[in-house]
Amino acid sequence: MVQCRKLDKLLPGLKRKPYRNELGQRIYDEISQEAWDGWVRESVRLVNTYRIDLGSSSGQQFLLKQAAVYFGFEGGDMAETAWTPPTK
């Protein structure tokens, strides 16, 4: 269980670190599985919108920066995506 930084609730945490770096450790320590699942959905939109090559260093760095902003570890604005959820 972790006190999720993103959702501000005590929730089940991740089973393992998502990245092998300092950001991955912070996500593991401070982010819930529920919040991580939200990031995965958002990251797919970013990859598709910006046509990010995850095999390149610049693509990986872009996505790591966006993850840090998404979870509130860094200041800044999230990159905009062209997709918006449908209204009910």
PDB file of N, CA and C in Angstrom:
ATOM      1  N   MET A   1       0.847  -1.184   0.000  1.00  0.00           N
ATOM      2  CA  MET A   1       0.000   0.000   0.000  1.00  0.00           C
ATOM      3  C   MET A   1       0.896   1.252   0.000  1.00  0.00           C
ATOM      4  N   VAL A   2       0.475   2.245  -0.757  1.00  0.00           N
ATOM      5  CA  VAL A   2       1.194   3.518  -0.790  1.00  0.00           C
ATOM      6  C   VAL A   2       0.191   4.661  -0.639  1.00  0.00           C
ATOM      7  N   GLN A   3       0.658   5.741  -0.054  1.00  0.00           N
ATOM      8  CA  GLN A   3      -0.123   6.971  -0.060  1.00  0.00           C
ATOM      9  C   GLN A   3       0.159   7.607  -1.418  1.00  0.00           C
ATOM     10  N   CYS A   4      -0.784   7.443  -2.339  1.00  0.00           N
ATOM     11  CA  CYS A   4      -0.571   7.860  -3.722  1.00  0.00           C
ATOM     12  C   CYS A   4      -0.484   9.380  -3.838  1.00  0.00           C
ATOM     13  N   ARG A   5       0.623   9.822  -4.365  1.00  0.00           N
ATOM     14  CA  ARG A   5       0.868  11.246  -4.573  1.00  0.00           C
ATOM     15  C   ARG A   5      -0.116  11.832  -5.582  1.00  0.00           C
ATOM     16  N   LYS A   6      -0.440  11.103  -6.620  1.00  0.00           N
ATOM     17  CA  LYS A   6      -1.309  11.591  -7.698  1.00  0.00           C
ATOM     18  C   LYS A   6      -2.775  11.647  -7.263  1.00  0.00           C
ATOM     19  N   LEU A   7      -3.255  10.586  -6.608  1.00  0.00           N
ATOM     20  CA  LEU A   7      -4.673  10.485  -6.262  1.00  0.00           C
ATOM     21  C   LEU A   7      -4.970  10.856  -4.816  1.00  0.00           C
ATOM     22  N   ASP A   8      -3.924  11.092  -4.024  1.00  0.00           N
ATOM     23  CA  ASP A   8      -4.054  11.485  -2.620  1.00  0.00           C
ATOM     24  C   ASP A   8      -4.923  10.506  -1.823  1.00  0.00           C
ATOM     25  N   LYS A   9      -4.664   9.207  -2.026  1.00  0.00           N
ATOM     26  CA  LYS A   9      -5.378   8.157  -1.288  1.00  0.00           C
ATOM     27  C   LYS A   9      -4.403   7.027  -0.996  1.00  0.00           C
ATOM     28  N   LEU A  10      -4.722   6.244   0.025  1.00  0.00           N
ATOM     29  CA  LEU A  10      -3.955   5.039   0.329  1.00  0.00           C
ATOM     30  C   LEU A  10      -4.484   3.926  -0.572  1.00  0.00           C
ATOM     31  N   LEU A  11      -3.624   3.441  -1.468  1.00  0.00           N
ATOM     32  CA  LEU A  11      -4.030   2.463  -2.484  1.00  0.00           C
ATOM     33  C   LEU A  11      -2.929   1.427  -2.685  1.00  0.00           C
ATOM     34  N   PRO A  12      -3.266   0.296  -3.305  1.00  0.00           N
ATOM     35  CA  PRO A  12      -2.224  -0.686  -3.629  1.00  0.00           C
ATOM     36  C   PRO A  12      -1.173  -0.088  -4.561  1.00  0.00           C
ATOM     37  N   GLY A  13       0.086  -0.377  -4.269  1.00  0.00           N
ATOM     38  CA  GLY A  13       1.192   0.136  -5.064  1.00  0.00           C
ATOM     39  C   GLY A  13       1.537  -0.779  -6.224  1.00  0.00           C
ATOM     40  N   LEU A  14       2.572  -0.400  -6.931  1.00  0.00           N
ATOM     41  CA  LEU A  14       3.061  -1.196  -8.059  1.00  0.00           C
ATOM     42  C   LEU A  14       3.788  -2.436  -7.550  1.00  0.00           C
ATOM     43  N   LYS A  15       3.809  -3.470  -8.354  1.00  0.00           N
ATOM     44  CA  LYS A  15       4.502  -4.711  -7.986  1.00  0.00           C
ATOM     45  C   LYS A  15       6.005  -4.606  -8.209  1.00  0.00           C
ATOM     46  N   ARG A  16       6.410  -3.730  -9.135  1.00  0.00           N
ATOM     47  CA  ARG A  16       7.842  -3.549  -9.404  1.00  0.00           C
ATOM     48  C   ARG A  16       8.060  -2.144  -9.950  1.00  0.00           C
ATOM     49  N   LYS A  17       9.318  -1.716  -9.934  1.00  0.00           N
ATOM     50  CA  LYS A  17       9.655  -0.387 -10.453  1.00  0.00           C
ATOM     51  C   LYS A  17       9.416  -0.354 -11.962  1.00  0.00           C
ATOM     52  N   PRO A  18       8.773   0.695 -12.468  1.00  0.00           N
ATOM     53  CA  PRO A  18       8.501   0.762 -13.908  1.00  0.00           C
ATOM     54  C   PRO A  18       9.715   1.146 -14.747  1.00  0.00           C
ATOM     55  N   TYR A  19      10.666   1.871 -14.162  1.00  0.00           N
ATOM     56  CA  TYR A  19      11.871   2.284 -14.879  1.00  0.00           C
ATOM     57  C   TYR A  19      13.072   2.016 -13.982  1.00  0.00           C
ATOM     58  N   ARG A  20      14.214   1.762 -14.590  1.00  0.00           N
ATOM     59  CA  ARG A  20      15.442   1.504 -13.832  1.00  0.00           C
ATOM     60  C   ARG A  20      16.234   2.792 -13.630  1.00  0.00           C
ATOM     61  N   ASN A  21      15.611   3.758 -12.985  1.00  0.00           N
ATOM     62  CA  ASN A  21      16.273   5.025 -12.693  1.00  0.00           C
ATOM     63  C   ASN A  21      15.622   5.638 -11.454  1.00  0.00           C
ATOM     64  N   GLU A  22      16.041   6.837 -11.105  1.00  0.00           N
ATOM     65  CA  GLU A  22      15.510   7.502  -9.917  1.00  0.00           C
ATOM     66  C   GLU A  22      14.005   7.746 -10.033  1.00  0.00           C
ATOM     67  N   LEU A  23      13.537   8.130 -11.210  1.00  0.00           N
ATOM     68  CA  LEU A  23      12.108   8.351 -11.417  1.00  0.00           C
ATOM     69  C   LEU A  23      11.329   7.061 -11.178  1.00  0.00           C
ATOM     70  N   GLY A  24      11.846   5.949 -11.665  1.00  0.00           N
ATOM     71  CA  GLY A  24      11.187   4.666 -11.450  1.00  0.00           C
ATOM     72  C   GLY A  24      11.056   4.329  -9.971  1.00  0.00           C
ATOM     73  N   GLN A  25      12.095   4.641  -9.196  1.00  0.00           N
ATOM     74  CA  GLN A  25      12.046   4.391  -7.750  1.00  0.00           C
ATOM     75  C   GLN A  25      11.010   5.291  -7.082  1.00  0.00           C
ATOM     76  N   ARG A  26      10.973   6.555  -7.479  1.00  0.00           N
ATOM     77  CA  ARG A  26       9.979   7.472  -6.896  1.00  0.00           C
ATOM     78  C   ARG A  26       8.556   7.045  -7.240  1.00  0.00           C
ATOM     79  N   ILE A  27       8.345   6.615  -8.473  1.00  0.00           N
ATOM     80  CA  ILE A  27       7.016   6.135  -8.859  1.00  0.00           C
ATOM     81  C   ILE A  27       6.654   4.909  -8.028  1.00  0.00           C
ATOM     82  N   TYR A  28       7.581   3.991  -7.885  1.00  0.00           N
ATOM     83  CA  TYR A  28       7.345   2.773  -7.100  1.00  0.00           C
ATOM     84  C   TYR A  28       6.993   3.122  -5.644  1.00  0.00           C
ATOM     85  N   ASP A  29       7.684   4.090  -5.075  1.00  0.00           N
ATOM     86  CA  ASP A  29       7.489   4.454  -3.673  1.00  0.00           C
ATOM     87  C   ASP A  29       6.243   5.306  -3.422  1.00  0.00           C
ATOM     88  N   GLU A  30       5.814   6.092  -4.415  1.00  0.00           N
ATOM     89  CA  GLU A  30       4.801   7.118  -4.152  1.00  0.00           C
ATOM     90  C   GLU A  30       3.552   7.064  -5.028  1.00  0.00           C
ATOM     91  N   ILE A  31       3.488   6.133  -5.970  1.00  0.00           N
ATOM     92  CA  ILE A  31       2.371   6.110  -6.923  1.00  0.00           C
ATOM     93  C   ILE A  31       1.642   4.771  -6.857  1.00  0.00           C
ATOM     94  N   SER A  32       0.325   4.824  -6.889  1.00  0.00           N
ATOM     95  CA  SER A  32      -0.499   3.607  -6.838  1.00  0.00           C
ATOM     96  C   SER A  32      -0.622   2.959  -8.210  1.00  0.00           C
ATOM     97  N   GLN A  33      -1.061   1.717  -8.195  1.00  0.00           N
ATOM     98  CA  GLN A  33      -1.315   1.006  -9.450  1.00  0.00           C
ATOM     99  C   GLN A  33      -2.396   1.721 -10.250  1.00  0.00           C
ATOM    100  N   GLU A  34      -3.411   2.235  -9.572  1.00  0.00           N
ATOM    101  CA  GLU A  34      -4.503   2.940 -10.258  1.00  0.00           C
ATOM    102  C   GLU A  34      -3.986   4.182 -10.995  1.00  0.00           C
ATOM    103  N   ALA A  35      -3.136   4.958 -10.332  1.00  0.00           N
ATOM    104  CA  ALA A  35      -2.570   6.146 -10.966  1.00  0.00           C
ATOM    105  C   ALA A  35      -1.632   5.748 -12.110  1.00  0.00           C
ATOM    106  N   TRP A  36      -0.872   4.674 -11.916  1.00  0.00           N
ATOM    107  CA  TRP A  36       0.018   4.197 -12.979  1.00  0.00           C
ATOM    108  C   TRP A  36      -0.791   3.793 -14.207  1.00  0.00           C
ATOM    109  N   ASP A  37      -1.914   3.115 -14.001  1.00  0.00           N
ATOM    110  CA  ASP A  37      -2.764   2.720 -15.128  1.00  0.00           C
ATOM    111  C   ASP A  37      -3.246   3.955 -15.898  1.00  0.00           C
ATOM    112  N   GLY A  38      -3.544   5.048 -15.176  1.00  0.00           N
ATOM    113  CA  GLY A  38      -3.927   6.294 -15.835  1.00  0.00           C
ATOM    114  C   GLY A  38      -2.792   6.846 -16.676  1.00  0.00           C
ATOM    115  N   TRP A  39      -1.554   6.738 -16.153  1.00  0.00           N
ATOM    116  CA  TRP A  39      -0.395   7.202 -16.911  1.00  0.00           C
ATOM    117  C   TRP A  39      -0.202   6.365 -18.176  1.00  0.00           C
ATOM    118  N   VAL A  40      -0.393   5.077 -18.083  1.00  0.00           N
ATOM    119  CA  VAL A  40      -0.218   4.213 -19.258  1.00  0.00           C
ATOM    120  C   VAL A  40      -1.182   4.650 -20.358  1.00  0.00           C
ATOM    121  N   ARG A  41      -2.441   4.924 -20.001  1.00  0.00           N
ATOM    122  CA  ARG A  41      -3.404   5.399 -21.008  1.00  0.00           C
ATOM    123  C   ARG A  41      -2.956   6.742 -21.601  1.00  0.00           C
ATOM    124  N   GLU A  42      -2.502   7.649 -20.745  1.00  0.00           N
ATOM    125  CA  GLU A  42      -2.054   8.961 -21.224  1.00  0.00           C
ATOM    126  C   GLU A  42      -0.811   8.836 -22.091  1.00  0.00           C
ATOM    127  N   SER A  43       0.110   7.966 -21.715  1.00  0.00           N
ATOM    128  CA  SER A  43       1.353   7.824 -22.480  1.00  0.00           C
ATOM    129  C   SER A  43       1.088   7.277 -23.883  1.00  0.00           C
ATOM    130  N   VAL A  44       0.099   6.416 -24.019  1.00  0.00           N
ATOM    131  CA  VAL A  44      -0.265   5.908 -25.352  1.00  0.00           C
ATOM    132  C   VAL A  44      -0.736   7.065 -26.228  1.00  0.00           C
ATOM    133  N   ARG A  45      -1.529   7.961 -25.661  1.00  0.00           N
ATOM    134  CA  ARG A  45      -1.989   9.131 -26.418  1.00  0.00           C
ATOM    135  C   ARG A  45      -0.808  10.005 -26.847  1.00  0.00           C
ATOM    136  N   LEU A  46       0.137  10.202 -25.925  1.00  0.00           N
ATOM    137  CA  LEU A  46       1.305  11.021 -26.254  1.00  0.00           C
ATOM    138  C   LEU A  46       2.139  10.378 -27.365  1.00  0.00           C
ATOM    139  N   VAL A  47       2.372   9.083 -27.257  1.00  0.00           N
ATOM    140  CA  VAL A  47       3.157   8.378 -28.278  1.00  0.00           C
ATOM    141  C   VAL A  47       2.479   8.496 -29.637  1.00  0.00           C
ATOM    142  N   ASN A  48       1.173   8.312 -29.660  1.00  0.00           N
ATOM    143  CA  ASN A  48       0.451   8.390 -30.933  1.00  0.00           C
ATOM    144  C   ASN A  48       0.390   9.816 -31.475  1.00  0.00           C
ATOM    145  N   THR A  49       0.137  10.790 -30.632  1.00  0.00           N
ATOM    146  CA  THR A  49       0.015  12.177 -31.071  1.00  0.00           C
ATOM    147  C   THR A  49       1.339  12.719 -31.595  1.00  0.00           C
ATOM    148  N   TYR A  50       2.405  12.477 -30.843  1.00  0.00           N
ATOM    149  CA  TYR A  50       3.712  13.026 -31.199  1.00  0.00           C
ATOM    150  C   TYR A  50       4.581  12.055 -31.986  1.00  0.00           C
ATOM    151  N   ARG A  51       4.045  10.869 -32.273  1.00  0.00           N
ATOM    152  CA  ARG A  51       4.770   9.843 -33.033  1.00  0.00           C
ATOM    153  C   ARG A  51       6.162   9.617 -32.441  1.00  0.00           C
ATOM    154  N   ILE A  52       6.164   9.377 -31.134  1.00  0.00           N
ATOM    155  CA  ILE A  52       7.411   9.221 -30.395  1.00  0.00           C
ATOM    156  C   ILE A  52       8.049   7.882 -30.724  1.00  0.00           C
ATOM    157  N   ASP A  53       9.324   7.920 -31.046  1.00  0.00           N
ATOM    158  CA  ASP A  53      10.105   6.713 -31.280  1.00  0.00           C
ATOM    159  C   ASP A  53      10.699   6.309 -29.937  1.00  0.00           C
ATOM    160  N   LEU A  54      10.113   5.307 -29.299  1.00  0.00           N
ATOM    161  CA  LEU A  54      10.581   4.884 -27.979  1.00  0.00           C
ATOM    162  C   LEU A  54      11.920   4.168 -28.036  1.00  0.00           C
ATOM    163  N   GLY A  55      12.394   3.872 -29.211  1.00  0.00           N
ATOM    164  CA  GLY A  55      13.718   3.283 -29.369  1.00  0.00           C
ATOM    165  C   GLY A  55      14.828   4.323 -29.358  1.00  0.00           C
ATOM    166  N   SER A  56      14.441   5.597 -29.481  1.00  0.00           N
ATOM    167  CA  SER A  56      15.438   6.669 -29.488  1.00  0.00           C
ATOM    168  C   SER A  56      15.587   7.272 -28.094  1.00  0.00           C
ATOM    169  N   SER A  57      16.752   7.776 -27.818  1.00  0.00           N
ATOM    170  CA  SER A  57      17.024   8.417 -26.532  1.00  0.00           C
ATOM    171  C   SER A  57      16.136   9.641 -26.335  1.00  0.00           C
ATOM    172  N   SER A  58      15.949  10.428 -27.384  1.00  0.00           N
ATOM    173  CA  SER A  58      15.130  11.635 -27.259  1.00  0.00           C
ATOM    174  C   SER A  58      13.661  11.283 -26.990  1.00  0.00           C
ATOM    175  N   GLY A  59      13.159  10.239 -27.614  1.00  0.00           N
ATOM    176  CA  GLY A  59      11.785   9.800 -27.371  1.00  0.00           C
ATOM    177  C   GLY A  59      11.594   9.312 -25.940  1.00  0.00           C
ATOM    178  N   GLN A  60      12.566   8.554 -25.447  1.00  0.00           N
ATOM    179  CA  GLN A  60      12.498   8.061 -24.075  1.00  0.00           C
ATOM    180  C   GLN A  60      12.552   9.211 -23.079  1.00  0.00           C
ATOM    181  N   GLN A  61      13.446  10.171 -23.322  1.00  0.00           N
ATOM    182  CA  GLN A  61      13.574  11.319 -22.424  1.00  0.00           C
ATOM    183  C   GLN A  61      12.299  12.165 -22.412  1.00  0.00           C
ATOM    184  N   PHE A  62      11.683  12.337 -23.579  1.00  0.00           N
ATOM    185  CA  PHE A  62      10.424  13.076 -23.659  1.00  0.00           C
ATOM    186  C   PHE A  62       9.369  12.410 -22.796  1.00  0.00           C
ATOM    187  N   LEU A  63       9.226  11.099 -22.934  1.00  0.00           N
ATOM    188  CA  LEU A  63       8.195  10.384 -22.185  1.00  0.00           C
ATOM    189  C   LEU A  63       8.491  10.370 -20.684  1.00  0.00           C
ATOM    190  N   LEU A  64       9.755  10.235 -20.298  1.00  0.00           N
ATOM    191  CA  LEU A  64      10.107  10.281 -18.875  1.00  0.00           C
ATOM    192  C   LEU A  64       9.800  11.658 -18.289  1.00  0.00           C
ATOM    193  N   LYS A  65      10.089  12.704 -19.044  1.00  0.00           N
ATOM    194  CA  LYS A  65       9.772  14.064 -18.584  1.00  0.00           C
ATOM    195  C   LYS A  65       8.276  14.226 -18.402  1.00  0.00           C
ATOM    196  N   GLN A  66       7.492  13.725 -19.358  1.00  0.00           N
ATOM    197  CA  GLN A  66       6.043  13.823 -19.254  1.00  0.00           C
ATOM    198  C   GLN A  66       5.514  13.025 -18.063  1.00  0.00           C
ATOM    199  N   ALA A  67       6.115  11.875 -17.782  1.00  0.00           N
ATOM    200  CA  ALA A  67       5.713  11.078 -16.613  1.00  0.00           C
ATOM    201  C   ALA A  67       5.986  11.853 -15.329  1.00  0.00           C
ATOM    202  N   ALA A  68       7.143  12.488 -15.242  1.00  0.00           N
ATOM    203  CA  ALA A  68       7.498  13.261 -14.046  1.00  0.00           C
ATOM    204  C   ALA A  68       6.511  14.411 -13.833  1.00  0.00           C
ATOM    205  N   VAL A  69       6.108  15.063 -14.902  1.00  0.00           N
ATOM    206  CA  VAL A  69       5.128  16.149 -14.799  1.00  0.00           C
ATOM    207  C   VAL A  69       3.761  15.579 -14.427  1.00  0.00           C
ATOM    208  N   TYR A  70       3.349  14.497 -15.066  1.00  0.00           N
ATOM    209  CA  TYR A  70       2.042  13.868 -14.812  1.00  0.00           C
ATOM    210  C   TYR A  70       1.878  13.510 -13.336  1.00  0.00           C
ATOM    211  N   PHE A  71       2.921  12.960 -12.741  1.00  0.00           N
ATOM    212  CA  PHE A  71       2.837  12.522 -11.350  1.00  0.00           C
ATOM    213  C   PHE A  71       3.169  13.630 -10.356  1.00  0.00           C
ATOM    214  N   GLY A  72       3.523  14.808 -10.836  1.00  0.00           N
ATOM    215  CA  GLY A  72       3.776  15.931  -9.955  1.00  0.00           C
ATOM    216  C   GLY A  72       5.166  15.967  -9.349  1.00  0.00           C
ATOM    217  N   PHE A  73       6.111  15.235  -9.922  1.00  0.00           N
ATOM    218  CA  PHE A  73       7.488  15.259  -9.439  1.00  0.00           C
ATOM    219  C   PHE A  73       8.254  16.455  -9.980  1.00  0.00           C
ATOM    220  N   GLU A  74       7.798  16.999 -11.105  1.00  0.00           N
ATOM    221  CA  GLU A  74       8.419  18.171 -11.727  1.00  0.00           C
ATOM    222  C   GLU A  74       7.328  19.150 -12.094  1.00  0.00           C
ATOM    223  N   GLY A  75       7.693  20.420 -12.123  1.00  0.00           N
ATOM    224  CA  GLY A  75       6.769  21.439 -12.583  1.00  0.00           C
ATOM    225  C   GLY A  75       6.715  21.442 -14.093  1.00  0.00           C
ATOM    226  N   GLY A  76       5.771  22.133 -14.622  1.00  0.00           N
ATOM    227  CA  GLY A  76       5.646  22.234 -16.073  1.00  0.00           C
ATOM    228  C   GLY A  76       4.269  21.793 -16.521  1.00  0.00           C
ATOM    229  N   ASP A  77       4.046  21.930 -17.790  1.00  0.00           N
ATOM    230  CA  ASP A  77       2.762  21.556 -18.370  1.00  0.00           C
ATOM    231  C   ASP A  77       2.912  20.261 -19.142  1.00  0.00           C
ATOM    232  N   MET A  78       1.876  19.459 -19.090  1.00  0.00           N
ATOM    233  CA  MET A  78       1.842  18.248 -19.908  1.00  0.00           C
ATOM    234  C   MET A  78       1.713  18.661 -21.368  1.00  0.00           C
ATOM    235  N   ALA A  79       2.318  17.878 -22.233  1.00  0.00           N
ATOM    236  CA  ALA A  79       2.149  18.096 -23.671  1.00  0.00           C
ATOM    237  C   ALA A  79       0.682  17.848 -24.009  1.00  0.00           C
ATOM    238  N   GLU A  80       0.171  18.608 -24.920  1.00  0.00           N
ATOM    239  CA  GLU A  80      -1.238  18.471 -25.321  1.00  0.00           C
ATOM    240  C   GLU A  80      -1.388  17.287 -26.262  1.00  0.00           C
ATOM    241  N   THR A  81      -2.512  16.602 -26.137  1.00  0.00           N
ATOM    242  CA  THR A  81      -2.809  15.530 -27.074  1.00  0.00           C
ATOM    243  C   THR A  81      -3.998  15.937 -27.929  1.00  0.00           C
ATOM    244  N   ALA A  82      -4.044  15.417 -29.116  1.00  0.00           N
ATOM    245  CA  ALA A  82      -5.144  15.745 -30.024  1.00  0.00           C
ATOM    246  C   ALA A  82      -6.443  15.061 -29.605  1.00  0.00           C
ATOM    247  N   TRP A  83      -6.322  13.941 -28.903  1.00  0.00           N
ATOM    248  CA  TRP A  83      -7.487  13.181 -28.508  1.00  0.00           C
ATOM    249  C   TRP A  83      -8.115  13.770 -27.262  1.00  0.00           C
ATOM    250  N   THR A  84      -9.425  13.883 -27.247  1.00  0.00           N
ATOM    251  CA  THR A  84     -10.130  14.266 -26.034  1.00  0.00           C
ATOM    252  C   THR A  84     -11.229  13.256 -25.798  1.00  0.00           C
ATOM    253  N   PRO A  85     -11.507  12.938 -24.526  1.00  0.00           N
ATOM    254  CA  PRO A  85     -12.538  11.943 -24.267  1.00  0.00           C
ATOM    255  C   PRO A  85     -13.906  12.463 -24.706  1.00  0.00           C
ATOM    256  N   PRO A  86     -14.767  11.561 -25.174  1.00  0.00           N
ATOM    257  CA  PRO A  86     -16.103  11.983 -25.593  1.00  0.00           C
ATOM    258  C   PRO A  86     -16.907  12.454 -24.375  1.00  0.00           C
ATOM    259  N   THR A  87     -17.760  13.431 -24.600  1.00  0.00           N
ATOM    260  CA  THR A  87     -18.639  13.901 -23.526  1.00  0.00           C
ATOM    261  C   THR A  87     -19.862  13.006 -23.471  1.00  0.00           C
ATOM    262  N   LYS A  88     -20.370  12.876 -22.281  1.00  0.00           N
ATOM    263  CA  LYS A  88     -21.556  12.003 -22.112  1.00  0.00           C
ATOM    264  C   LYS A  88     -22.827  12.751 -22.347  1.00  0.00           C
TER     265      LYS A  88
END
